[in-house]
């Protein structure tokens, strides 16, 4: 049987795993897997040593530029406009609080002045005379204390207007002196200018400024009527001053233009005086209309003025004493 059948003898180098039928289905990957592991293959060398991968380096953040005392901005893009608006609001509130504090202080002084009562005496402070003067002040005047805040500006303007009227009378005295120097026949005008300066200055203060002061101080209808009556007459006198009637003692437009042809220097001074008289008249008309409009907005009336007049007359000690003496004399008169 061995004659017809023969098997090749195995050789040492023959590897059954190298059969072409097996290797053609194997993978060509370079990495050894469990399916392709051949324990009979001789390793080419020892495996490479294990190298542990180093951890990633930490990311370094740049240091913050803010200081410990510096406020941080947490992402608000409109922080600066908001701060400006808040500051403006705080300033407005502070100004409002200061105004309220001044108003409260004024009210406190006003209450203290009213708490003195009608029988209490106040130290007069007007006119402000020096201590060595033998004549002391005659009136007590304090606009910030006695006058309400809504009328303080009006009363102050009236006080300055009275000072302006006094100044025009003094300037009229100087203009009359210049006219007398240019024309000695006008001596009577210079004398009347002295009289008007000495008469109108104190009388205007007592007759129309003090009534309007007391009217706004106590909302007195009676003092309002006194002011309107006397100040209207004063405005009429202002018109006469502005016209400048010859021999009247007022250097208005007529006498100023008449003297300009004789003496240029004296004529110019008198024309300036006529301009002051014109401004005085215009201001007087304006203030009269303004105070009349303010009077119509108050509670003043003619009936209230009559009641105030009756109460003032009956509360006057001299009037009551005279009435009592008259009544006693009537009953004790012999029949």
C-alpha atoms as a PDB file:
ATOM      1  CA  UNK A   1       0.000   0.000   0.000  1.00  0.00           C
ATOM      2  CA  UNK A   2       2.934   2.331   0.715  1.00  0.00           C
ATOM      3  CA  UNK A   3       3.941   1.617  -2.824  1.00  0.00           C
ATOM      4  CA  UNK A   4       1.025   3.597  -4.150  1.00  0.00           C
ATOM      5  CA  UNK A   5       0.618   6.131  -1.357  1.00  0.00           C
ATOM      6  CA  UNK A   6       3.375   8.371  -0.145  1.00  0.00           C
ATOM      7  CA  UNK A   7       3.226  11.419   2.304  1.00  0.00           C
ATOM      8  CA  UNK A   8       5.785  14.080   2.401  1.00  0.00           C
ATOM      9  CA  UNK A   9       7.916  14.079   5.441  1.00  0.00           C
ATOM     10  CA  UNK A  10       7.507  16.974   7.767  1.00  0.00           C
ATOM     11  CA  UNK A  11      10.293  19.409   8.001  1.00  0.00           C
ATOM     12  CA  UNK A  12      11.249  21.583  10.960  1.00  0.00           C
ATOM     13  CA  UNK A  13      10.649  24.826   9.144  1.00  0.00           C
ATOM     14  CA  UNK A  14       7.129  24.053   8.040  1.00  0.00           C
ATOM     15  CA  UNK A  15       4.571  26.083   9.920  1.00  0.00           C
ATOM     16  CA  UNK A  16       0.980  25.077   9.616  1.00  0.00           C
ATOM     17  CA  UNK A  17      -0.142  28.650  10.345  1.00  0.00           C
ATOM     18  CA  UNK A  18       1.700  29.854   7.276  1.00  0.00           C
ATOM     19  CA  UNK A  19      -0.556  28.054   4.972  1.00  0.00           C
ATOM     20  CA  UNK A  20      -1.619  30.314   2.110  1.00  0.00           C
ATOM     21  CA  UNK A  21      -5.211  29.365   2.632  1.00  0.00           C
ATOM     22  CA  UNK A  22      -5.021  30.822   6.138  1.00  0.00           C
ATOM     23  CA  UNK A  23      -2.858  33.852   5.632  1.00  0.00           C
ATOM     24  CA  UNK A  24      -4.964  35.229   2.787  1.00  0.00           C
ATOM     25  CA  UNK A  25      -7.861  35.723   5.170  1.00  0.00           C
ATOM     26  CA  UNK A  26      -5.811  37.286   7.929  1.00  0.00           C
ATOM     27  CA  UNK A  27      -5.656  41.078   8.597  1.00  0.00           C
ATOM     28  CA  UNK A  28      -2.651  43.153   7.718  1.00  0.00           C
ATOM     29  CA  UNK A  29      -2.820  45.317  10.862  1.00  0.00           C
ATOM     30  CA  UNK A  30       0.367  45.929  12.679  1.00  0.00           C
ATOM     31  CA  UNK A  31      -1.131  45.567  16.103  1.00  0.00           C
ATOM     32  CA  UNK A  32      -1.433  42.118  17.569  1.00  0.00           C
ATOM     33  CA  UNK A  33      -4.935  41.148  18.531  1.00  0.00           C
ATOM     34  CA  UNK A  34      -6.264  38.210  20.367  1.00  0.00           C
ATOM     35  CA  UNK A  35      -7.453  36.485  17.154  1.00  0.00           C
ATOM     36  CA  UNK A  36      -4.162  36.946  15.330  1.00  0.00           C
ATOM     37  CA  UNK A  37      -1.861  36.247  18.241  1.00  0.00           C
ATOM     38  CA  UNK A  38       0.652  33.534  17.346  1.00  0.00           C
ATOM     39  CA  UNK A  39       2.450  32.113  20.344  1.00  0.00           C
ATOM     40  CA  UNK A  40       5.022  30.463  18.070  1.00  0.00           C
ATOM     41  CA  UNK A  41       6.220  33.734  16.582  1.00  0.00           C
ATOM     42  CA  UNK A  42       9.454  34.935  18.105  1.00  0.00           C
ATOM     43  CA  UNK A  43       9.117  38.464  19.456  1.00  0.00           C
ATOM     44  CA  UNK A  44      11.276  40.980  17.760  1.00  0.00           C
ATOM     45  CA  UNK A  45      12.232  42.545  21.106  1.00  0.00           C
ATOM     46  CA  UNK A  46      10.963  43.483  24.543  1.00  0.00           C
ATOM     47  CA  UNK A  47       7.941  45.712  24.648  1.00  0.00           C
ATOM     48  CA  UNK A  48       8.602  49.398  25.106  1.00  0.00           C
ATOM     49  CA  UNK A  49       8.461  50.609  28.696  1.00  0.00           C
ATOM     50  CA  UNK A  50       5.247  52.287  29.919  1.00  0.00           C
ATOM     51  CA  UNK A  51       5.426  56.011  29.980  1.00  0.00           C
ATOM     52  CA  UNK A  52       2.817  57.755  32.020  1.00  0.00           C
ATOM     53  CA  UNK A  53       1.435  60.853  30.349  1.00  0.00           C
ATOM     54  CA  UNK A  54       2.080  64.044  32.323  1.00  0.00           C
ATOM     55  CA  UNK A  55      -0.984  66.034  33.510  1.00  0.00           C
ATOM     56  CA  UNK A  56      -1.791  69.214  31.566  1.00  0.00           C
ATOM     57  CA  UNK A  57      -0.276  72.375  32.913  1.00  0.00           C
ATOM     58  CA  UNK A  58      -2.738  74.647  34.749  1.00  0.00           C
ATOM     59  CA  UNK A  59      -3.925  77.748  32.908  1.00  0.00           C
ATOM     60  CA  UNK A  60      -2.545  80.889  34.523  1.00  0.00           C
ATOM     61  CA  UNK A  61      -5.047  83.731  34.713  1.00  0.00           C
ATOM     62  CA  UNK A  62      -3.692  87.293  34.583  1.00  0.00           C
ATOM     63  CA  UNK A  63      -3.771  89.149  37.895  1.00  0.00           C
ATOM     64  CA  UNK A  64      -6.761  91.466  38.466  1.00  0.00           C
ATOM     65  CA  UNK A  65      -6.088  95.153  37.986  1.00  0.00           C
ATOM     66  CA  UNK A  66      -8.553  96.217  40.699  1.00  0.00           C
ATOM     67  CA  UNK A  67      -7.318  97.251  44.102  1.00  0.00           C
ATOM     68  CA  UNK A  68      -8.929  96.044  47.350  1.00  0.00           C
ATOM     69  CA  UNK A  69     -10.625  99.402  47.881  1.00  0.00           C
ATOM     70  CA  UNK A  70     -11.750  99.803  44.281  1.00  0.00           C
ATOM     71  CA  UNK A  71     -15.384  98.885  43.581  1.00  0.00           C
ATOM     72  CA  UNK A  72     -15.730  96.121  41.046  1.00  0.00           C
ATOM     73  CA  UNK A  73     -17.833  96.314  37.964  1.00  0.00           C
ATOM     74  CA  UNK A  74     -19.959  93.161  37.647  1.00  0.00           C
ATOM     75  CA  UNK A  75     -20.807  93.514  33.992  1.00  0.00           C
ATOM     76  CA  UNK A  76     -23.065  96.593  33.995  1.00  0.00           C
ATOM     77  CA  UNK A  77     -22.466  98.592  30.854  1.00  0.00           C
ATOM     78  CA  UNK A  78     -24.669 101.542  32.008  1.00  0.00           C
ATOM     79  CA  UNK A  79     -23.050 102.005  35.417  1.00  0.00           C
ATOM     80  CA  UNK A  80     -21.605 105.500  34.787  1.00  0.00           C
ATOM     81  CA  UNK A  81     -24.844 107.153  33.536  1.00  0.00           C
ATOM     82  CA  UNK A  82     -26.728 105.597  36.450  1.00  0.00           C
ATOM     83  CA  UNK A  83     -24.206 107.039  38.919  1.00  0.00           C
ATOM     84  CA  UNK A  84     -24.507 110.502  37.343  1.00  0.00           C
ATOM     85  CA  UNK A  85     -28.303 110.383  37.512  1.00  0.00           C
ATOM     86  CA  UNK A  86     -28.190 109.303  41.156  1.00  0.00           C
ATOM     87  CA  UNK A  87     -25.780 112.120  42.024  1.00  0.00           C
ATOM     88  CA  UNK A  88     -27.996 114.720  40.346  1.00  0.00           C
ATOM     89  CA  UNK A  89     -31.032 113.398  42.196  1.00  0.00           C
ATOM     90  CA  UNK A  90     -29.192 113.584  45.531  1.00  0.00           C
ATOM     91  CA  UNK A  91     -28.081 117.163  44.836  1.00  0.00           C
ATOM     92  CA  UNK A  92     -31.644 118.153  43.972  1.00  0.00           C
ATOM     93  CA  UNK A  93     -32.959 116.620  47.175  1.00  0.00           C
ATOM     94  CA  UNK A  94     -30.242 118.366  49.177  1.00  0.00           C
ATOM     95  CA  UNK A  95     -31.182 121.756  47.719  1.00  0.00           C
ATOM     96  CA  UNK A  96     -34.835 121.088  48.458  1.00  0.00           C
ATOM     97  CA  UNK A  97     -34.010 120.174  52.061  1.00  0.00           C
ATOM     98  CA  UNK A  98     -31.964 123.361  52.445  1.00  0.00           C
ATOM     99  CA  UNK A  99     -34.874 125.450  51.176  1.00  0.00           C
ATOM    100  CA  UNK A 100     -37.227 123.717  53.589  1.00  0.00           C
ATOM    101  CA  UNK A 101     -34.781 124.304  56.446  1.00  0.00           C
ATOM    102  CA  UNK A 102     -34.623 128.023  55.616  1.00  0.00           C
ATOM    103  CA  UNK A 103     -38.412 128.180  55.451  1.00  0.00           C
ATOM    104  CA  UNK A 104     -38.726 126.435  58.816  1.00  0.00           C
ATOM    105  CA  UNK A 105     -36.195 128.804  60.334  1.00  0.00           C
ATOM    106  CA  UNK A 106     -38.110 131.783  59.004  1.00  0.00           C
ATOM    107  CA  UNK A 107     -41.372 130.352  60.313  1.00  0.00           C
ATOM    108  CA  UNK A 108     -39.778 129.833  63.716  1.00  0.00           C
ATOM    109  CA  UNK A 109     -38.616 133.443  63.841  1.00  0.00           C
ATOM    110  CA  UNK A 110     -42.075 134.554  62.745  1.00  0.00           C
ATOM    111  CA  UNK A 111     -43.749 132.516  65.486  1.00  0.00           C
ATOM    112  CA  UNK A 112     -41.341 133.909  68.030  1.00  0.00           C
ATOM    113  CA  UNK A 113     -42.122 137.438  66.900  1.00  0.00           C
ATOM    114  CA  UNK A 114     -45.889 136.786  67.077  1.00  0.00           C
ATOM    115  CA  UNK A 115     -45.542 135.164  70.487  1.00  0.00           C
ATOM    116  CA  UNK A 116     -44.453 138.515  71.900  1.00  0.00           C
ATOM    117  CA  UNK A 117     -48.077 139.634  71.800  1.00  0.00           C
ATOM    118  CA  UNK A 118     -49.613 142.994  71.099  1.00  0.00           C
ATOM    119  CA  UNK A 119     -48.546 144.443  74.454  1.00  0.00           C
ATOM    120  CA  UNK A 120     -44.908 143.482  74.125  1.00  0.00           C
ATOM    121  CA  UNK A 121     -42.437 146.033  72.874  1.00  0.00           C
ATOM    122  CA  UNK A 122     -39.919 145.435  70.143  1.00  0.00           C
ATOM    123  CA  UNK A 123     -36.698 147.253  69.669  1.00  0.00           C
ATOM    124  CA  UNK A 124     -36.973 149.579  66.702  1.00  0.00           C
ATOM    125  CA  UNK A 125     -34.342 149.066  64.023  1.00  0.00           C
ATOM    126  CA  UNK A 126     -35.213 151.594  61.296  1.00  0.00           C
ATOM    127  CA  UNK A 127     -33.715 153.935  60.286  1.00  0.00           C
ATOM    128  CA  UNK A 128     -30.355 152.396  61.228  1.00  0.00           C
ATOM    129  CA  UNK A 129     -28.779 155.275  63.082  1.00  0.00           C
ATOM    130  CA  UNK A 130     -25.414 155.208  64.877  1.00  0.00           C
ATOM    131  CA  UNK A 131     -25.368 154.807  68.620  1.00  0.00           C
ATOM    132  CA  UNK A 132     -24.033 158.310  69.281  1.00  0.00           C
ATOM    133  CA  UNK A 133     -27.004 159.874  67.476  1.00  0.00           C
ATOM    134  CA  UNK A 134     -29.371 161.527  69.981  1.00  0.00           C
ATOM    135  CA  UNK A 135     -32.410 160.340  67.965  1.00  0.00           C
ATOM    136  CA  UNK A 136     -33.021 156.584  67.851  1.00  0.00           C
ATOM    137  CA  UNK A 137     -34.814 154.401  65.280  1.00  0.00           C
ATOM    138  CA  UNK A 138     -38.524 155.031  64.870  1.00  0.00           C
ATOM    139  CA  UNK A 139     -39.851 151.768  63.345  1.00  0.00           C
ATOM    140  CA  UNK A 140     -39.353 148.053  63.550  1.00  0.00           C
ATOM    141  CA  UNK A 141     -38.896 146.461  60.122  1.00  0.00           C
ATOM    142  CA  UNK A 142     -37.801 142.952  59.174  1.00  0.00           C
ATOM    143  CA  UNK A 143     -39.128 141.740  55.834  1.00  0.00           C
ATOM    144  CA  UNK A 144     -37.752 138.193  56.201  1.00  0.00           C
ATOM    145  CA  UNK A 145     -39.520 137.720  59.535  1.00  0.00           C
ATOM    146  CA  UNK A 146     -42.761 139.683  59.331  1.00  0.00           C
ATOM    147  CA  UNK A 147     -43.707 139.270  55.666  1.00  0.00           C
ATOM    148  CA  UNK A 148     -44.889 136.001  54.165  1.00  0.00           C
ATOM    149  CA  UNK A 149     -42.525 134.426  51.684  1.00  0.00           C
ATOM    150  CA  UNK A 150     -44.861 134.896  48.717  1.00  0.00           C
ATOM    151  CA  UNK A 151     -44.955 138.691  49.335  1.00  0.00           C
ATOM    152  CA  UNK A 152     -41.368 139.302  50.387  1.00  0.00           C
ATOM    153  CA  UNK A 153     -40.175 140.111  46.876  1.00  0.00           C
ATOM    154  CA  UNK A 154     -42.969 142.659  46.341  1.00  0.00           C
ATOM    155  CA  UNK A 155     -42.347 144.428  49.650  1.00  0.00           C
ATOM    156  CA  UNK A 156     -38.606 144.477  48.967  1.00  0.00           C
ATOM    157  CA  UNK A 157     -39.214 146.060  45.553  1.00  0.00           C
ATOM    158  CA  UNK A 158     -41.414 148.709  47.165  1.00  0.00           C
ATOM    159  CA  UNK A 159     -38.671 149.467  49.675  1.00  0.00           C
ATOM    160  CA  UNK A 160     -36.097 149.874  46.911  1.00  0.00           C
ATOM    161  CA  UNK A 161     -38.549 152.024  44.971  1.00  0.00           C
ATOM    162  CA  UNK A 162     -38.900 154.329  47.975  1.00  0.00           C
ATOM    163  CA  UNK A 163     -35.105 154.604  48.110  1.00  0.00           C
ATOM    164  CA  UNK A 164     -35.088 155.426  44.393  1.00  0.00           C
ATOM    165  CA  UNK A 165     -37.678 158.183  44.981  1.00  0.00           C
ATOM    166  CA  UNK A 166     -35.511 159.647  47.742  1.00  0.00           C
ATOM    167  CA  UNK A 167     -32.523 159.595  45.399  1.00  0.00           C
ATOM    168  CA  UNK A 168     -34.445 161.411  42.637  1.00  0.00           C
ATOM    169  CA  UNK A 169     -35.447 164.137  45.104  1.00  0.00           C
ATOM    170  CA  UNK A 170     -31.831 164.607  46.136  1.00  0.00           C
ATOM    171  CA  UNK A 171     -30.756 164.709  42.492  1.00  0.00           C
ATOM    172  CA  UNK A 172     -33.548 167.204  41.836  1.00  0.00           C
ATOM    173  CA  UNK A 173     -32.037 169.372  44.583  1.00  0.00           C
ATOM    174  CA  UNK A 174     -28.665 169.210  42.832  1.00  0.00           C
ATOM    175  CA  UNK A 175     -30.264 170.014  39.450  1.00  0.00           C
ATOM    176  CA  UNK A 176     -32.111 172.983  40.933  1.00  0.00           C
ATOM    177  CA  UNK A 177     -28.824 174.250  42.315  1.00  0.00           C
ATOM    178  CA  UNK A 178     -27.280 173.979  38.846  1.00  0.00           C
ATOM    179  CA  UNK A 179     -30.283 175.823  37.399  1.00  0.00           C
ATOM    180  CA  UNK A 180     -29.934 178.547  40.016  1.00  0.00           C
ATOM    181  CA  UNK A 181     -26.237 178.923  39.183  1.00  0.00           C
ATOM    182  CA  UNK A 182     -27.046 179.257  35.480  1.00  0.00           C
ATOM    183  CA  UNK A 183     -29.987 181.600  36.020  1.00  0.00           C
ATOM    184  CA  UNK A 184     -30.132 183.454  39.329  1.00  0.00           C
ATOM    185  CA  UNK A 185     -33.739 184.431  38.769  1.00  0.00           C
ATOM    186  CA  UNK A 186     -34.817 180.859  39.584  1.00  0.00           C
ATOM    187  CA  UNK A 187     -34.114 181.099  43.302  1.00  0.00           C
ATOM    188  CA  UNK A 188     -37.662 180.124  44.260  1.00  0.00           C
ATOM    189  CA  UNK A 189     -37.307 176.834  42.403  1.00  0.00           C
ATOM    190  CA  UNK A 190     -34.185 175.977  44.357  1.00  0.00           C
ATOM    191  CA  UNK A 191     -35.963 176.770  47.658  1.00  0.00           C
ATOM    192  CA  UNK A 192     -38.929 174.588  46.732  1.00  0.00           C
ATOM    193  CA  UNK A 193     -36.567 171.740  45.755  1.00  0.00           C
ATOM    194  CA  UNK A 194     -35.123 171.839  49.276  1.00  0.00           C
ATOM    195  CA  UNK A 195     -38.643 171.773  50.734  1.00  0.00           C
ATOM    196  CA  UNK A 196     -39.770 168.842  48.560  1.00  0.00           C
ATOM    197  CA  UNK A 197     -36.663 166.796  49.454  1.00  0.00           C
ATOM    198  CA  UNK A 198     -37.213 167.355  53.181  1.00  0.00           C
ATOM    199  CA  UNK A 199     -40.965 166.793  53.007  1.00  0.00           C
ATOM    200  CA  UNK A 200     -41.548 163.999  50.504  1.00  0.00           C
ATOM    201  CA  UNK A 201     -38.768 161.682  51.678  1.00  0.00           C
ATOM    202  CA  UNK A 202     -40.110 160.940  55.180  1.00  0.00           C
ATOM    203  CA  UNK A 203     -43.767 161.415  54.260  1.00  0.00           C
ATOM    204  CA  UNK A 204     -43.601 158.890  51.428  1.00  0.00           C
ATOM    205  CA  UNK A 205     -42.112 156.326  53.790  1.00  0.00           C
ATOM    206  CA  UNK A 206     -44.796 156.849  56.417  1.00  0.00           C
ATOM    207  CA  UNK A 207     -47.787 157.465  54.156  1.00  0.00           C
ATOM    208  CA  UNK A 208     -47.509 154.770  51.475  1.00  0.00           C
ATOM    209  CA  UNK A 209     -44.583 152.434  52.192  1.00  0.00           C
ATOM    210  CA  UNK A 210     -45.514 151.613  55.789  1.00  0.00           C
ATOM    211  CA  UNK A 211     -49.189 150.972  54.876  1.00  0.00           C
ATOM    212  CA  UNK A 212     -48.239 148.516  52.126  1.00  0.00           C
ATOM    213  CA  UNK A 213     -45.749 146.893  54.509  1.00  0.00           C
ATOM    214  CA  UNK A 214     -48.418 146.427  57.188  1.00  0.00           C
ATOM    215  CA  UNK A 215     -50.981 145.346  54.587  1.00  0.00           C
ATOM    216  CA  UNK A 216     -48.834 142.438  53.436  1.00  0.00           C
ATOM    217  CA  UNK A 217     -47.722 141.686  56.982  1.00  0.00           C
ATOM    218  CA  UNK A 218     -51.187 141.148  58.449  1.00  0.00           C
ATOM    219  CA  UNK A 219     -53.375 140.999  55.308  1.00  0.00           C
ATOM    220  CA  UNK A 220     -55.015 144.261  56.345  1.00  0.00           C
ATOM    221  CA  UNK A 221     -57.716 145.592  54.054  1.00  0.00           C
ATOM    222  CA  UNK A 222     -57.647 148.978  55.775  1.00  0.00           C
ATOM    223  CA  UNK A 223     -53.927 149.451  55.080  1.00  0.00           C
ATOM    224  CA  UNK A 224     -54.461 148.374  51.482  1.00  0.00           C
ATOM    225  CA  UNK A 225     -57.036 151.134  50.992  1.00  0.00           C
ATOM    226  CA  UNK A 226     -54.738 153.704  52.609  1.00  0.00           C
ATOM    227  CA  UNK A 227     -51.916 152.650  50.307  1.00  0.00           C
ATOM    228  CA  UNK A 228     -54.034 152.827  47.144  1.00  0.00           C
ATOM    229  CA  UNK A 229     -55.405 156.260  47.996  1.00  0.00           C
ATOM    230  CA  UNK A 230     -52.064 157.859  48.924  1.00  0.00           C
ATOM    231  CA  UNK A 231     -49.929 156.099  46.327  1.00  0.00           C
ATOM    232  CA  UNK A 232     -52.327 157.126  43.562  1.00  0.00           C
ATOM    233  CA  UNK A 233     -51.853 160.747  44.672  1.00  0.00           C
ATOM    234  CA  UNK A 234     -48.110 160.131  44.732  1.00  0.00           C
ATOM    235  CA  UNK A 235     -48.183 158.910  41.124  1.00  0.00           C
ATOM    236  CA  UNK A 236     -50.000 162.081  40.145  1.00  0.00           C
ATOM    237  CA  UNK A 237     -47.214 164.072  41.798  1.00  0.00           C
ATOM    238  CA  UNK A 238     -44.705 161.980  39.833  1.00  0.00           C
ATOM    239  CA  UNK A 239     -46.412 163.102  36.617  1.00  0.00           C
ATOM    240  CA  UNK A 240     -46.106 166.754  37.685  1.00  0.00           C
ATOM    241  CA  UNK A 241     -42.429 166.179  38.481  1.00  0.00           C
ATOM    242  CA  UNK A 242     -41.871 164.706  35.034  1.00  0.00           C
ATOM    243  CA  UNK A 243     -43.572 167.611  33.246  1.00  0.00           C
ATOM    244  CA  UNK A 244     -41.446 170.181  35.056  1.00  0.00           C
ATOM    245  CA  UNK A 245     -43.691 173.227  35.451  1.00  0.00           C
ATOM    246  CA  UNK A 246     -41.569 176.374  35.775  1.00  0.00           C
ATOM    247  CA  UNK A 247     -41.350 177.618  39.366  1.00  0.00           C
ATOM    248  CA  UNK A 248     -42.568 174.313  40.834  1.00  0.00           C
ATOM    249  CA  UNK A 249     -39.171 173.220  42.106  1.00  0.00           C
ATOM    250  CA  UNK A 250     -39.092 170.123  39.875  1.00  0.00           C
ATOM    251  CA  UNK A 251     -36.554 169.901  37.068  1.00  0.00           C
ATOM    252  CA  UNK A 252     -38.730 168.151  34.512  1.00  0.00           C
ATOM    253  CA  UNK A 253     -38.743 168.280  30.741  1.00  0.00           C
ATOM    254  CA  UNK A 254     -40.109 171.818  30.261  1.00  0.00           C
ATOM    255  CA  UNK A 255     -37.606 173.678  32.425  1.00  0.00           C
ATOM    256  CA  UNK A 256     -34.768 171.375  31.322  1.00  0.00           C
ATOM    257  CA  UNK A 257     -35.257 172.024  27.614  1.00  0.00           C
ATOM    258  CA  UNK A 258     -35.764 175.741  28.293  1.00  0.00           C
ATOM    259  CA  UNK A 259     -32.474 176.034  30.183  1.00  0.00           C
ATOM    260  CA  UNK A 260     -30.519 173.961  27.638  1.00  0.00           C
ATOM    261  CA  UNK A 261     -30.232 176.974  25.313  1.00  0.00           C
ATOM    262  CA  UNK A 262     -28.771 179.156  28.096  1.00  0.00           C
ATOM    263  CA  UNK A 263     -26.387 176.728  29.769  1.00  0.00           C
ATOM    264  CA  UNK A 264     -25.443 173.414  28.207  1.00  0.00           C
ATOM    265  CA  UNK A 265     -23.938 171.886  31.369  1.00  0.00           C
ATOM    266  CA  UNK A 266     -26.871 172.745  33.624  1.00  0.00           C
ATOM    267  CA  UNK A 267     -29.299 171.713  30.879  1.00  0.00           C
ATOM    268  CA  UNK A 268     -27.707 168.275  30.552  1.00  0.00           C
ATOM    269  CA  UNK A 269     -27.915 167.740  34.332  1.00  0.00           C
ATOM    270  CA  UNK A 270     -31.560 168.747  34.339  1.00  0.00           C
ATOM    271  CA  UNK A 271     -32.325 166.455  31.388  1.00  0.00           C
ATOM    272  CA  UNK A 272     -30.841 163.559  33.359  1.00  0.00           C
ATOM    273  CA  UNK A 273     -33.127 164.537  36.221  1.00  0.00           C
ATOM    274  CA  UNK A 274     -36.118 164.571  33.862  1.00  0.00           C
ATOM    275  CA  UNK A 275     -35.185 161.053  32.693  1.00  0.00           C
ATOM    276  CA  UNK A 276     -35.116 159.880  36.322  1.00  0.00           C
ATOM    277  CA  UNK A 277     -38.540 161.436  36.925  1.00  0.00           C
ATOM    278  CA  UNK A 278     -39.891 159.665  33.822  1.00  0.00           C
ATOM    279  CA  UNK A 279     -38.581 156.292  35.010  1.00  0.00           C
ATOM    280  CA  UNK A 280     -39.995 156.970  38.471  1.00  0.00           C
ATOM    281  CA  UNK A 281     -43.446 157.651  37.044  1.00  0.00           C
ATOM    282  CA  UNK A 282     -43.422 154.524  34.886  1.00  0.00           C
ATOM    283  CA  UNK A 283     -42.322 152.364  37.808  1.00  0.00           C
ATOM    284  CA  UNK A 284     -44.979 153.899  40.051  1.00  0.00           C
ATOM    285  CA  UNK A 285     -47.771 153.084  37.591  1.00  0.00           C
ATOM    286  CA  UNK A 286     -46.474 149.537  37.151  1.00  0.00           C
ATOM    287  CA  UNK A 287     -46.227 148.878  40.897  1.00  0.00           C
ATOM    288  CA  UNK A 288     -49.673 150.336  41.529  1.00  0.00           C
ATOM    289  CA  UNK A 289     -51.232 147.970  38.979  1.00  0.00           C
ATOM    290  CA  UNK A 290     -49.235 145.008  40.274  1.00  0.00           C
ATOM    291  CA  UNK A 291     -50.219 145.487  43.908  1.00  0.00           C
ATOM    292  CA  UNK A 292     -53.842 146.067  42.917  1.00  0.00           C
ATOM    293  CA  UNK A 293     -53.878 142.743  41.052  1.00  0.00           C
ATOM    294  CA  UNK A 294     -52.367 141.023  44.102  1.00  0.00           C
ATOM    295  CA  UNK A 295     -54.965 142.695  46.317  1.00  0.00           C
ATOM    296  CA  UNK A 296     -57.817 141.295  44.213  1.00  0.00           C
ATOM    297  CA  UNK A 297     -56.467 137.772  44.749  1.00  0.00           C
ATOM    298  CA  UNK A 298     -56.607 138.114  48.549  1.00  0.00           C
ATOM    299  CA  UNK A 299     -59.575 138.084  50.929  1.00  0.00           C
ATOM    300  CA  UNK A 300     -59.470 141.848  51.425  1.00  0.00           C
ATOM    301  CA  UNK A 301     -62.668 143.823  50.933  1.00  0.00           C
ATOM    302  CA  UNK A 302     -64.197 147.189  51.751  1.00  0.00           C
ATOM    303  CA  UNK A 303     -66.402 145.698  54.487  1.00  0.00           C
ATOM    304  CA  UNK A 304     -63.352 144.130  56.083  1.00  0.00           C
ATOM    305  CA  UNK A 305     -61.564 147.472  55.918  1.00  0.00           C
ATOM    306  CA  UNK A 306     -64.481 149.149  57.723  1.00  0.00           C
ATOM    307  CA  UNK A 307     -64.412 146.496  60.446  1.00  0.00           C
ATOM    308  CA  UNK A 308     -60.669 146.902  60.867  1.00  0.00           C
ATOM    309  CA  UNK A 309     -61.014 150.670  61.077  1.00  0.00           C
ATOM    310  CA  UNK A 310     -63.662 150.375  63.761  1.00  0.00           C
ATOM    311  CA  UNK A 311     -61.600 147.913  65.763  1.00  0.00           C
ATOM    312  CA  UNK A 312     -58.463 150.049  65.443  1.00  0.00           C
ATOM    313  CA  UNK A 313     -60.293 153.176  66.544  1.00  0.00           C
ATOM    314  CA  UNK A 314     -61.931 151.488  69.523  1.00  0.00           C
ATOM    315  CA  UNK A 315     -58.706 149.796  70.573  1.00  0.00           C
ATOM    316  CA  UNK A 316     -56.838 153.108  70.619  1.00  0.00           C
ATOM    317  CA  UNK A 317     -56.395 154.233  74.215  1.00  0.00           C
ATOM    318  CA  UNK A 318     -56.408 157.939  73.356  1.00  0.00           C
ATOM    319  CA  UNK A 319     -59.632 157.669  71.356  1.00  0.00           C
ATOM    320  CA  UNK A 320     -61.364 155.736  74.121  1.00  0.00           C
ATOM    321  CA  UNK A 321     -60.227 158.246  76.743  1.00  0.00           C
ATOM    322  CA  UNK A 322     -61.486 161.143  74.628  1.00  0.00           C
ATOM    323  CA  UNK A 323     -64.836 159.412  74.091  1.00  0.00           C
ATOM    324  CA  UNK A 324     -65.173 158.709  77.802  1.00  0.00           C
ATOM    325  CA  UNK A 325     -64.365 162.322  78.698  1.00  0.00           C
ATOM    326  CA  UNK A 326     -66.877 163.576  76.137  1.00  0.00           C
ATOM    327  CA  UNK A 327     -69.576 161.288  77.471  1.00  0.00           C
ATOM    328  CA  UNK A 328     -68.829 162.235  81.082  1.00  0.00           C
ATOM    329  CA  UNK A 329     -68.914 165.933  80.211  1.00  0.00           C
ATOM    330  CA  UNK A 330     -72.264 165.498  78.469  1.00  0.00           C
ATOM    331  CA  UNK A 331     -73.870 163.902  81.525  1.00  0.00           C
ATOM    332  CA  UNK A 332     -72.337 166.316  84.046  1.00  0.00           C
ATOM    333  CA  UNK A 333     -73.066 169.478  82.114  1.00  0.00           C
ATOM    334  CA  UNK A 334     -75.355 171.895  83.945  1.00  0.00           C
ATOM    335  CA  UNK A 335     -78.831 172.124  82.659  1.00  0.00           C
END
